[in-house]
Amino acid sequence: MGARTVPVLITFAILLAIFVLMWWGWRGRLRRQAGIAGLPAVPDDAGPAALSVAGQYVTTTSAGDWLDRIAAHGMGIRTNATLELRTTGVLLLRKGAADVYIAADAMTEVSTQAGMAGKFVEKDGLVVITWRLGEKLVDTGFRTTDAAAKKPLVTALRALVPAQPDPPATELPDADHGRKNDENE
């Protein structure tokens, strides 16, 4: 054995142990979240998309706890997505994962945040929809590819929420129309 063989084998063993522990943790999270309701089906009467915005599905977490990622039903997987606003709710068409449908009557709040579960951006960079998944209140994050699309999207989403309180006194800043999120392309 050469002088580099032992350090390479030790490094490989450490990396393998890290990946096994990560897999074990994810598997445990899936087991703990087995009771979470499945994703709702898109109703036949959802209607055509009134608004379609390209971006990235960030994740779904327990409401108010931006670190408690929901792993069940593939909801913890970050993917590129298109958010479509329908007459009956919101449809997130995710690439490589199951689509997420959020009925308008399940929505409780629409806000903006700087980050959630491993994705942090500028202030108010994520659109966050708080909604009921079965008996659990969850937050679903979405990042628009084009910054100019965020403000109209938030306005349209808030119009869907039943009895949505007036937005806070601090309005969303006007978008930097030149910004594009490179990671979403």
N, C-alpha and C. Protein backbone atom coordinates (compact mmCIF):
# COMPACT_ATOMS: atom_id res chain seq x y z
N MET A 1 0.83 -1.18 0.00
CA MET A 1 0.00 0.00 0.00
C MET A 1 0.88 1.24 0.00
N GLY A 2 0.41 2.22 -0.77
CA GLY A 2 1.15 3.47 -0.86
C GLY A 2 0.84 4.37 0.33
N ALA A 3 1.56 5.46 0.42
CA ALA A 3 1.41 6.40 1.52
C ALA A 3 0.03 7.08 1.51
N ARG A 4 -0.62 7.15 0.35
CA ARG A 4 -1.92 7.83 0.25
C ARG A 4 -3.11 6.87 0.38
N THR A 5 -2.87 5.61 0.34
CA THR A 5 -3.97 4.64 0.35
C THR A 5 -4.75 4.67 1.66
N VAL A 6 -4.07 4.69 2.77
CA VAL A 6 -4.75 4.68 4.08
C VAL A 6 -5.58 5.96 4.27
N PRO A 7 -5.06 7.17 4.03
CA PRO A 7 -5.89 8.38 4.18
C PRO A 7 -7.10 8.38 3.23
N VAL A 8 -6.91 7.86 2.02
CA VAL A 8 -8.03 7.81 1.07
C VAL A 8 -9.10 6.85 1.58
N LEU A 9 -8.71 5.70 2.09
CA LEU A 9 -9.67 4.74 2.63
C LEU A 9 -10.40 5.30 3.85
N ILE A 10 -9.68 6.01 4.72
CA ILE A 10 -10.31 6.61 5.89
C ILE A 10 -11.32 7.69 5.47
N THR A 11 -10.92 8.51 4.52
CA THR A 11 -11.82 9.55 4.01
C THR A 11 -13.07 8.93 3.39
N PHE A 12 -12.89 7.89 2.60
CA PHE A 12 -14.01 7.19 1.99
C PHE A 12 -14.94 6.60 3.05
N ALA A 13 -14.38 6.01 4.08
CA ALA A 13 -15.18 5.42 5.16
C ALA A 13 -15.97 6.49 5.91
N ILE A 14 -15.36 7.64 6.15
CA ILE A 14 -16.05 8.74 6.84
C ILE A 14 -17.21 9.26 5.97
N LEU A 15 -16.96 9.46 4.68
CA LEU A 15 -18.01 9.93 3.78
C LEU A 15 -19.16 8.92 3.69
N LEU A 16 -18.82 7.66 3.62
CA LEU A 16 -19.84 6.62 3.58
C LEU A 16 -20.68 6.63 4.85
N ALA A 17 -20.03 6.79 6.00
CA ALA A 17 -20.74 6.85 7.28
C ALA A 17 -21.69 8.05 7.32
N ILE A 18 -21.24 9.19 6.80
CA ILE A 18 -22.09 10.39 6.77
C ILE A 18 -23.33 10.15 5.92
N PHE A 19 -23.15 9.56 4.74
CA PHE A 19 -24.30 9.30 3.87
C PHE A 19 -25.25 8.27 4.48
N VAL A 20 -24.73 7.27 5.14
CA VAL A 20 -25.58 6.27 5.80
C VAL A 20 -26.38 6.93 6.92
N LEU A 21 -25.75 7.80 7.71
CA LEU A 21 -26.47 8.50 8.78
C LEU A 21 -27.54 9.44 8.23
N MET A 22 -27.25 10.11 7.12
CA MET A 22 -28.25 10.98 6.48
C MET A 22 -29.44 10.15 6.00
N TRP A 23 -29.18 9.03 5.36
CA TRP A 23 -30.24 8.14 4.88
C TRP A 23 -31.07 7.64 6.05
N TRP A 24 -30.40 7.26 7.13
CA TRP A 24 -31.07 6.74 8.31
C TRP A 24 -31.97 7.82 8.92
N GLY A 25 -31.49 9.05 8.99
CA GLY A 25 -32.28 10.16 9.52
C GLY A 25 -33.51 10.44 8.67
N TRP A 26 -33.33 10.44 7.34
CA TRP A 26 -34.45 10.69 6.42
C TRP A 26 -35.49 9.57 6.54
N ARG A 27 -35.01 8.34 6.67
CA ARG A 27 -35.91 7.19 6.82
C ARG A 27 -36.70 7.30 8.13
N GLY A 28 -36.03 7.74 9.19
CA GLY A 28 -36.71 7.94 10.48
C GLY A 28 -37.76 9.04 10.39
N ARG A 29 -37.44 10.11 9.68
CA ARG A 29 -38.39 11.21 9.48
C ARG A 29 -39.62 10.72 8.72
N LEU A 30 -39.39 9.92 7.69
CA LEU A 30 -40.51 9.35 6.92
C LEU A 30 -41.39 8.47 7.82
N ARG A 31 -40.77 7.70 8.68
CA ARG A 31 -41.51 6.83 9.59
C ARG A 31 -42.34 7.66 10.59
N ARG A 32 -41.75 8.73 11.14
CA ARG A 32 -42.46 9.59 12.09
C ARG A 32 -43.62 10.33 11.43
N GLN A 33 -43.49 10.60 10.12
CA GLN A 33 -44.52 11.37 9.41
C GLN A 33 -45.49 10.48 8.63
N ALA A 34 -45.51 9.20 8.93
CA ALA A 34 -46.37 8.27 8.20
C ALA A 34 -47.85 8.62 8.34
N GLY A 35 -48.24 9.30 9.41
CA GLY A 35 -49.64 9.64 9.63
C GLY A 35 -50.10 10.89 8.92
N ILE A 36 -49.22 11.59 8.24
CA ILE A 36 -49.60 12.82 7.54
C ILE A 36 -50.45 12.45 6.33
N ALA A 37 -51.52 13.18 6.14
CA ALA A 37 -52.45 12.92 5.03
C ALA A 37 -51.72 12.98 3.70
N GLY A 38 -52.21 12.21 2.74
CA GLY A 38 -51.64 12.21 1.40
C GLY A 38 -51.95 13.50 0.66
N LEU A 39 -51.26 13.70 -0.45
CA LEU A 39 -51.48 14.89 -1.25
C LEU A 39 -52.88 14.86 -1.86
N PRO A 40 -53.61 15.98 -1.81
CA PRO A 40 -54.94 16.01 -2.41
C PRO A 40 -54.86 15.87 -3.93
N ALA A 41 -55.87 15.24 -4.50
CA ALA A 41 -55.95 15.10 -5.96
C ALA A 41 -56.46 16.41 -6.56
N VAL A 42 -56.07 16.68 -7.79
CA VAL A 42 -56.56 17.87 -8.49
C VAL A 42 -58.00 17.59 -8.90
N PRO A 43 -58.94 18.45 -8.49
CA PRO A 43 -60.33 18.21 -8.86
C PRO A 43 -60.57 18.41 -10.36
N ASP A 44 -61.58 17.72 -10.87
CA ASP A 44 -61.91 17.84 -12.29
C ASP A 44 -62.37 19.24 -12.66
N ASP A 45 -62.96 19.95 -11.70
CA ASP A 45 -63.49 21.29 -11.97
C ASP A 45 -62.51 22.40 -11.59
N ALA A 46 -61.21 22.11 -11.58
CA ALA A 46 -60.20 23.10 -11.19
C ALA A 46 -60.12 24.26 -12.18
N GLY A 47 -60.55 24.03 -13.40
CA GLY A 47 -60.52 25.08 -14.41
C GLY A 47 -59.13 25.29 -14.97
N PRO A 48 -59.05 26.15 -15.98
CA PRO A 48 -57.74 26.45 -16.59
C PRO A 48 -56.91 27.35 -15.68
N ALA A 49 -55.64 27.42 -15.96
CA ALA A 49 -54.74 28.27 -15.18
C ALA A 49 -55.00 29.73 -15.49
N ALA A 50 -55.33 30.51 -14.46
CA ALA A 50 -55.54 31.95 -14.62
C ALA A 50 -54.21 32.69 -14.61
N LEU A 51 -53.22 32.08 -13.93
CA LEU A 51 -51.88 32.66 -13.83
C LEU A 51 -50.90 31.51 -13.73
N SER A 52 -49.81 31.59 -14.45
CA SER A 52 -48.79 30.54 -14.43
C SER A 52 -47.43 31.20 -14.23
N VAL A 53 -46.71 30.76 -13.20
CA VAL A 53 -45.42 31.36 -12.85
C VAL A 53 -44.36 30.28 -12.71
N ALA A 54 -43.26 30.43 -13.43
CA ALA A 54 -42.15 29.48 -13.34
C ALA A 54 -41.30 29.79 -12.11
N GLY A 55 -40.72 28.75 -11.54
CA GLY A 55 -39.86 28.97 -10.38
C GLY A 55 -39.37 27.67 -9.79
N GLN A 56 -39.22 27.67 -8.48
CA GLN A 56 -38.71 26.50 -7.77
C GLN A 56 -39.59 26.21 -6.56
N TYR A 57 -40.05 24.96 -6.47
CA TYR A 57 -40.73 24.49 -5.27
C TYR A 57 -39.62 24.27 -4.25
N VAL A 58 -39.66 25.00 -3.15
CA VAL A 58 -38.58 24.92 -2.16
C VAL A 58 -38.77 23.72 -1.25
N THR A 59 -39.87 23.67 -0.53
CA THR A 59 -40.18 22.55 0.36
C THR A 59 -41.51 22.82 1.04
N THR A 60 -41.96 21.86 1.81
CA THR A 60 -43.10 22.04 2.70
C THR A 60 -42.63 21.70 4.11
N THR A 61 -42.96 22.57 5.05
CA THR A 61 -42.56 22.38 6.45
C THR A 61 -43.79 22.47 7.34
N SER A 62 -43.65 22.09 8.60
CA SER A 62 -44.72 22.33 9.56
C SER A 62 -44.90 23.83 9.68
N ALA A 63 -46.13 24.28 9.77
CA ALA A 63 -46.41 25.72 9.82
C ALA A 63 -45.68 26.37 10.99
N GLY A 64 -45.00 27.46 10.69
CA GLY A 64 -44.30 28.21 11.72
C GLY A 64 -42.94 27.65 12.11
N ASP A 65 -42.59 26.47 11.63
CA ASP A 65 -41.30 25.85 11.96
C ASP A 65 -40.54 25.62 10.65
N TRP A 66 -39.77 26.60 10.22
CA TRP A 66 -39.13 26.56 8.91
C TRP A 66 -38.04 25.49 8.80
N LEU A 67 -37.72 24.80 9.89
CA LEU A 67 -36.73 23.73 9.83
C LEU A 67 -37.34 22.33 9.81
N ASP A 68 -38.63 22.20 10.14
CA ASP A 68 -39.27 20.89 10.23
C ASP A 68 -39.83 20.49 8.87
N ARG A 69 -38.96 20.04 8.00
CA ARG A 69 -39.33 19.66 6.64
C ARG A 69 -40.25 18.44 6.65
N ILE A 70 -41.29 18.48 5.83
CA ILE A 70 -42.19 17.34 5.66
C ILE A 70 -41.60 16.45 4.57
N ALA A 71 -41.19 15.25 4.95
CA ALA A 71 -40.57 14.32 4.00
C ALA A 71 -41.60 13.39 3.36
N ALA A 72 -42.73 13.18 4.04
CA ALA A 72 -43.75 12.25 3.55
C ALA A 72 -44.28 12.70 2.19
N HIS A 73 -44.60 11.73 1.36
CA HIS A 73 -45.22 11.95 0.05
C HIS A 73 -44.35 12.78 -0.89
N GLY A 74 -43.04 12.78 -0.68
CA GLY A 74 -42.12 13.50 -1.56
C GLY A 74 -42.18 15.01 -1.41
N MET A 75 -42.78 15.50 -0.34
CA MET A 75 -42.94 16.95 -0.18
C MET A 75 -41.67 17.65 0.28
N GLY A 76 -40.66 16.90 0.67
CA GLY A 76 -39.41 17.50 1.10
C GLY A 76 -38.39 17.64 0.00
N ILE A 77 -38.76 17.30 -1.21
CA ILE A 77 -37.83 17.32 -2.34
C ILE A 77 -37.92 18.66 -3.06
N ARG A 78 -36.81 19.38 -3.14
CA ARG A 78 -36.77 20.66 -3.86
C ARG A 78 -36.68 20.39 -5.35
N THR A 79 -37.57 21.01 -6.13
CA THR A 79 -37.58 20.81 -7.58
C THR A 79 -37.93 22.10 -8.30
N ASN A 80 -37.59 22.15 -9.57
CA ASN A 80 -38.11 23.21 -10.41
C ASN A 80 -39.59 22.95 -10.58
N ALA A 81 -40.37 24.02 -10.69
CA ALA A 81 -41.82 23.85 -10.75
C ALA A 81 -42.46 25.03 -11.46
N THR A 82 -43.71 24.84 -11.80
CA THR A 82 -44.56 25.91 -12.31
C THR A 82 -45.75 26.00 -11.37
N LEU A 83 -46.02 27.19 -10.86
CA LEU A 83 -47.18 27.40 -10.01
C LEU A 83 -48.31 27.92 -10.88
N GLU A 84 -49.42 27.20 -10.87
CA GLU A 84 -50.59 27.62 -11.63
C GLU A 84 -51.71 27.98 -10.67
N LEU A 85 -52.26 29.16 -10.86
CA LEU A 85 -53.39 29.61 -10.08
C LEU A 85 -54.65 29.18 -10.80
N ARG A 86 -55.47 28.36 -10.14
CA ARG A 86 -56.73 27.88 -10.72
C ARG A 86 -57.89 28.51 -9.96
N THR A 87 -59.11 28.34 -10.46
CA THR A 87 -60.27 28.93 -9.78
C THR A 87 -60.52 28.28 -8.43
N THR A 88 -60.11 27.03 -8.26
CA THR A 88 -60.36 26.31 -7.01
C THR A 88 -59.14 26.21 -6.10
N GLY A 89 -57.99 26.71 -6.54
CA GLY A 89 -56.80 26.61 -5.71
C GLY A 89 -55.52 26.81 -6.49
N VAL A 90 -54.46 26.22 -5.98
CA VAL A 90 -53.12 26.37 -6.55
C VAL A 90 -52.59 24.98 -6.92
N LEU A 91 -51.99 24.89 -8.09
CA LEU A 91 -51.38 23.64 -8.52
C LEU A 91 -49.90 23.89 -8.76
N LEU A 92 -49.06 23.15 -8.05
CA LEU A 92 -47.61 23.22 -8.24
C LEU A 92 -47.20 22.02 -9.07
N LEU A 93 -46.85 22.27 -10.32
CA LEU A 93 -46.42 21.21 -11.23
C LEU A 93 -44.92 21.05 -11.06
N ARG A 94 -44.51 19.99 -10.35
CA ARG A 94 -43.10 19.78 -10.02
C ARG A 94 -42.45 18.83 -11.02
N LYS A 95 -41.23 19.15 -11.40
CA LYS A 95 -40.47 18.27 -12.29
C LYS A 95 -39.80 17.18 -11.46
N GLY A 96 -40.06 15.93 -11.81
CA GLY A 96 -39.43 14.81 -11.13
C GLY A 96 -40.05 14.43 -9.80
N ALA A 97 -41.19 15.00 -9.46
CA ALA A 97 -41.87 14.68 -8.20
C ALA A 97 -43.37 14.87 -8.40
N ALA A 98 -44.14 14.34 -7.47
CA ALA A 98 -45.60 14.44 -7.57
C ALA A 98 -46.04 15.90 -7.47
N ASP A 99 -47.06 16.25 -8.25
CA ASP A 99 -47.60 17.60 -8.21
C ASP A 99 -48.30 17.83 -6.86
N VAL A 100 -48.34 19.09 -6.44
CA VAL A 100 -48.96 19.46 -5.18
C VAL A 100 -50.15 20.37 -5.49
N TYR A 101 -51.34 19.96 -5.05
CA TYR A 101 -52.54 20.78 -5.23
C TYR A 101 -52.95 21.31 -3.87
N ILE A 102 -53.19 22.62 -3.81
CA ILE A 102 -53.62 23.27 -2.57
C ILE A 102 -54.97 23.91 -2.85
N ALA A 103 -56.03 23.38 -2.27
CA ALA A 103 -57.37 23.92 -2.46
C ALA A 103 -57.46 25.30 -1.81
N ALA A 104 -58.21 26.19 -2.42
CA ALA A 104 -58.35 27.56 -1.89
C ALA A 104 -58.92 27.54 -0.48
N ASP A 105 -59.88 26.65 -0.21
CA ASP A 105 -60.47 26.63 1.13
C ASP A 105 -59.55 26.01 2.18
N ALA A 106 -58.45 25.39 1.77
CA ALA A 106 -57.46 24.86 2.72
C ALA A 106 -56.40 25.90 3.06
N MET A 107 -56.31 26.96 2.25
CA MET A 107 -55.30 28.00 2.46
C MET A 107 -55.70 28.89 3.63
N THR A 108 -54.73 29.23 4.49
CA THR A 108 -55.02 30.11 5.62
C THR A 108 -54.25 31.43 5.55
N GLU A 109 -53.13 31.44 4.83
CA GLU A 109 -52.32 32.65 4.77
C GLU A 109 -51.34 32.56 3.61
N VAL A 110 -50.99 33.74 3.07
CA VAL A 110 -49.93 33.85 2.07
C VAL A 110 -48.99 34.93 2.56
N SER A 111 -47.70 34.60 2.63
CA SER A 111 -46.72 35.57 3.11
C SER A 111 -45.44 35.44 2.29
N THR A 112 -44.47 36.26 2.62
CA THR A 112 -43.15 36.15 2.03
C THR A 112 -42.14 36.00 3.15
N GLN A 113 -41.08 35.25 2.88
CA GLN A 113 -40.04 35.03 3.88
C GLN A 113 -38.69 35.02 3.19
N ALA A 114 -37.65 35.07 4.01
CA ALA A 114 -36.29 35.05 3.50
C ALA A 114 -35.75 33.64 3.34
N GLY A 115 -36.42 32.63 3.92
CA GLY A 115 -35.91 31.28 3.76
C GLY A 115 -36.69 30.25 4.54
N MET A 116 -36.40 29.00 4.19
CA MET A 116 -36.98 27.86 4.90
C MET A 116 -36.20 26.61 4.54
N ALA A 117 -35.94 25.76 5.53
CA ALA A 117 -35.35 24.42 5.37
C ALA A 117 -34.26 24.33 4.30
N GLY A 118 -33.19 25.04 4.49
CA GLY A 118 -32.04 24.89 3.62
C GLY A 118 -32.00 25.81 2.41
N LYS A 119 -32.96 26.70 2.25
CA LYS A 119 -32.97 27.63 1.13
C LYS A 119 -33.17 29.03 1.69
N PHE A 120 -32.13 29.86 1.59
CA PHE A 120 -32.21 31.21 2.10
C PHE A 120 -31.86 32.19 0.99
N VAL A 121 -32.67 33.22 0.85
CA VAL A 121 -32.54 34.21 -0.21
C VAL A 121 -32.69 35.60 0.40
N GLU A 122 -32.84 36.60 -0.44
CA GLU A 122 -33.01 37.96 0.07
C GLU A 122 -34.32 38.08 0.84
N LYS A 123 -34.47 39.17 1.58
CA LYS A 123 -35.68 39.43 2.37
C LYS A 123 -36.90 39.33 1.45
N ASP A 124 -37.91 38.61 1.91
CA ASP A 124 -39.17 38.42 1.16
C ASP A 124 -38.96 37.74 -0.19
N GLY A 125 -37.94 36.92 -0.31
CA GLY A 125 -37.63 36.26 -1.59
C GLY A 125 -38.46 35.03 -1.88
N LEU A 126 -39.06 34.43 -0.84
CA LEU A 126 -39.89 33.23 -1.03
C LEU A 126 -41.35 33.56 -0.80
N VAL A 127 -42.20 32.99 -1.64
CA VAL A 127 -43.64 33.08 -1.43
C VAL A 127 -44.02 31.85 -0.62
N VAL A 128 -44.67 32.05 0.53
CA VAL A 128 -45.01 30.94 1.42
C VAL A 128 -46.53 30.87 1.58
N ILE A 129 -47.07 29.69 1.27
CA ILE A 129 -48.51 29.45 1.40
C ILE A 129 -48.71 28.56 2.63
N THR A 130 -49.48 29.05 3.59
CA THR A 130 -49.83 28.26 4.77
C THR A 130 -51.19 27.63 4.49
N TRP A 131 -51.26 26.30 4.68
CA TRP A 131 -52.50 25.59 4.35
C TRP A 131 -52.66 24.33 5.19
N ARG A 132 -53.87 23.77 5.16
CA ARG A 132 -54.18 22.55 5.90
C ARG A 132 -54.01 21.34 5.01
N LEU A 133 -53.15 20.43 5.45
CA LEU A 133 -52.97 19.13 4.80
C LEU A 133 -53.55 18.10 5.76
N GLY A 134 -54.79 17.70 5.53
CA GLY A 134 -55.49 16.85 6.50
C GLY A 134 -55.71 17.65 7.76
N GLU A 135 -55.18 17.18 8.87
CA GLU A 135 -55.30 17.87 10.15
C GLU A 135 -54.09 18.74 10.47
N LYS A 136 -53.07 18.70 9.62
CA LYS A 136 -51.80 19.39 9.91
C LYS A 136 -51.72 20.71 9.14
N LEU A 137 -51.30 21.75 9.82
CA LEU A 137 -51.07 23.04 9.19
C LEU A 137 -49.63 23.07 8.69
N VAL A 138 -49.44 23.36 7.40
CA VAL A 138 -48.10 23.32 6.79
C VAL A 138 -47.82 24.61 6.02
N ASP A 139 -46.54 24.87 5.78
CA ASP A 139 -46.08 25.99 4.94
C ASP A 139 -45.42 25.41 3.71
N THR A 140 -45.80 25.89 2.53
CA THR A 140 -45.17 25.47 1.29
C THR A 140 -44.49 26.68 0.67
N GLY A 141 -43.19 26.55 0.36
CA GLY A 141 -42.42 27.65 -0.18
C GLY A 141 -42.21 27.54 -1.67
N PHE A 142 -42.26 28.69 -2.36
CA PHE A 142 -42.06 28.76 -3.80
C PHE A 142 -41.23 30.01 -4.10
N ARG A 143 -40.25 29.87 -4.97
CA ARG A 143 -39.40 30.99 -5.39
C ARG A 143 -39.60 31.21 -6.88
N THR A 144 -40.01 32.41 -7.24
CA THR A 144 -40.23 32.72 -8.65
C THR A 144 -38.90 32.86 -9.37
N THR A 145 -38.87 32.45 -10.62
CA THR A 145 -37.66 32.61 -11.43
C THR A 145 -37.43 34.08 -11.72
N ASP A 146 -38.49 34.78 -12.05
CA ASP A 146 -38.42 36.21 -12.40
C ASP A 146 -38.92 37.02 -11.21
N ALA A 147 -38.12 37.94 -10.72
CA ALA A 147 -38.48 38.73 -9.54
C ALA A 147 -39.73 39.55 -9.77
N ALA A 148 -39.97 40.00 -10.99
CA ALA A 148 -41.15 40.83 -11.28
C ALA A 148 -42.45 40.04 -11.14
N ALA A 149 -42.39 38.73 -11.19
CA ALA A 149 -43.60 37.90 -11.09
C ALA A 149 -44.05 37.69 -9.65
N LYS A 150 -43.19 37.98 -8.68
CA LYS A 150 -43.51 37.68 -7.28
C LYS A 150 -44.65 38.53 -6.75
N LYS A 151 -44.60 39.83 -6.94
CA LYS A 151 -45.61 40.73 -6.37
C LYS A 151 -47.01 40.42 -6.93
N PRO A 152 -47.19 40.28 -8.26
CA PRO A 152 -48.53 39.92 -8.76
C PRO A 152 -48.98 38.54 -8.28
N LEU A 153 -48.04 37.61 -8.12
CA LEU A 153 -48.38 36.28 -7.63
C LEU A 153 -48.90 36.34 -6.20
N VAL A 154 -48.21 37.07 -5.34
CA VAL A 154 -48.64 37.19 -3.94
C VAL A 154 -50.02 37.84 -3.87
N THR A 155 -50.24 38.87 -4.66
CA THR A 155 -51.55 39.55 -4.69
C THR A 155 -52.64 38.58 -5.12
N ALA A 156 -52.41 37.81 -6.17
CA ALA A 156 -53.39 36.85 -6.67
C ALA A 156 -53.64 35.73 -5.66
N LEU A 157 -52.58 35.24 -5.01
CA LEU A 157 -52.73 34.19 -4.01
C LEU A 157 -53.53 34.69 -2.80
N ARG A 158 -53.25 35.90 -2.36
CA ARG A 158 -53.97 36.45 -1.21
C ARG A 158 -55.46 36.61 -1.53
N ALA A 159 -55.78 36.88 -2.79
CA ALA A 159 -57.19 37.01 -3.18
C ALA A 159 -57.91 35.65 -3.09
N LEU A 160 -57.17 34.55 -3.20
CA LEU A 160 -57.76 33.22 -3.10
C LEU A 160 -58.06 32.79 -1.67
N VAL A 161 -57.30 33.31 -0.72
CA VAL A 161 -57.41 32.88 0.67
C VAL A 161 -58.71 33.40 1.27
N PRO A 162 -59.53 32.50 1.83
CA PRO A 162 -60.76 32.96 2.47
C PRO A 162 -60.43 33.78 3.72
N ALA A 163 -61.06 34.95 3.84
CA ALA A 163 -60.90 35.82 5.01
C ALA A 163 -59.44 36.15 5.30
N GLN A 164 -58.66 36.40 4.25
CA GLN A 164 -57.26 36.78 4.40
C GLN A 164 -57.18 38.17 5.02
N PRO A 165 -56.44 38.34 6.13
CA PRO A 165 -56.31 39.68 6.71
C PRO A 165 -55.53 40.59 5.76
N ASP A 166 -55.74 41.89 5.95
CA ASP A 166 -55.01 42.84 5.13
C ASP A 166 -53.52 42.62 5.27
N PRO A 167 -52.76 42.83 4.18
CA PRO A 167 -51.31 42.65 4.27
C PRO A 167 -50.72 43.64 5.26
N PRO A 168 -49.56 43.31 5.84
CA PRO A 168 -48.93 44.22 6.80
C PRO A 168 -48.59 45.55 6.14
N ALA A 169 -48.36 46.55 6.98
CA ALA A 169 -48.08 47.90 6.48
C ALA A 169 -46.87 47.94 5.56
N THR A 170 -45.91 47.05 5.76
CA THR A 170 -44.74 47.04 4.89
C THR A 170 -45.09 46.28 3.62
N GLU A 171 -45.17 46.98 2.54
CA GLU A 171 -45.48 46.37 1.25
C GLU A 171 -44.22 45.71 0.68
N LEU A 172 -44.44 44.81 -0.23
CA LEU A 172 -43.31 44.19 -0.92
C LEU A 172 -42.60 45.25 -1.74
N PRO A 173 -41.28 45.26 -1.73
CA PRO A 173 -40.56 46.25 -2.53
C PRO A 173 -40.76 45.94 -4.01
N ASP A 174 -40.66 46.99 -4.82
CA ASP A 174 -40.72 46.75 -6.25
C ASP A 174 -39.56 45.87 -6.65
N ALA A 175 -39.81 45.00 -7.58
CA ALA A 175 -38.82 44.00 -7.97
C ALA A 175 -37.69 44.62 -8.78
N ASP A 176 -36.54 44.02 -8.64
CA ASP A 176 -35.42 44.33 -9.52
C ASP A 176 -35.67 43.52 -10.78
N HIS A 177 -36.21 44.17 -11.81
CA HIS A 177 -36.65 43.46 -13.00
C HIS A 177 -35.51 42.79 -13.75
N GLY A 178 -34.28 43.13 -13.45
CA GLY A 178 -33.15 42.51 -14.11
C GLY A 178 -32.72 41.19 -13.46
N ARG A 179 -33.24 40.92 -12.25
CA ARG A 179 -32.83 39.72 -11.53
C ARG A 179 -33.52 38.50 -12.07
N LYS A 180 -32.74 37.47 -12.22
CA LYS A 180 -33.26 36.13 -12.51
C LYS A 180 -32.55 35.19 -11.55
N ASN A 181 -33.24 34.19 -11.12
CA ASN A 181 -32.65 33.21 -10.22
C ASN A 181 -31.98 32.14 -11.07
N ASP A 182 -30.67 32.15 -11.14
CA ASP A 182 -29.95 31.20 -11.97
C ASP A 182 -30.19 29.76 -11.56
N GLU A 183 -30.37 29.51 -10.25
CA GLU A 183 -30.53 28.13 -9.81
C GLU A 183 -31.85 27.53 -10.25
N ASN A 184 -32.80 28.37 -10.70
CA ASN A 184 -34.10 27.86 -11.12
C ASN A 184 -34.15 27.51 -12.59
N GLU A 185 -33.13 27.78 -13.34
CA GLU A 185 -33.18 27.55 -14.78
C GLU A 185 -32.58 26.22 -15.16
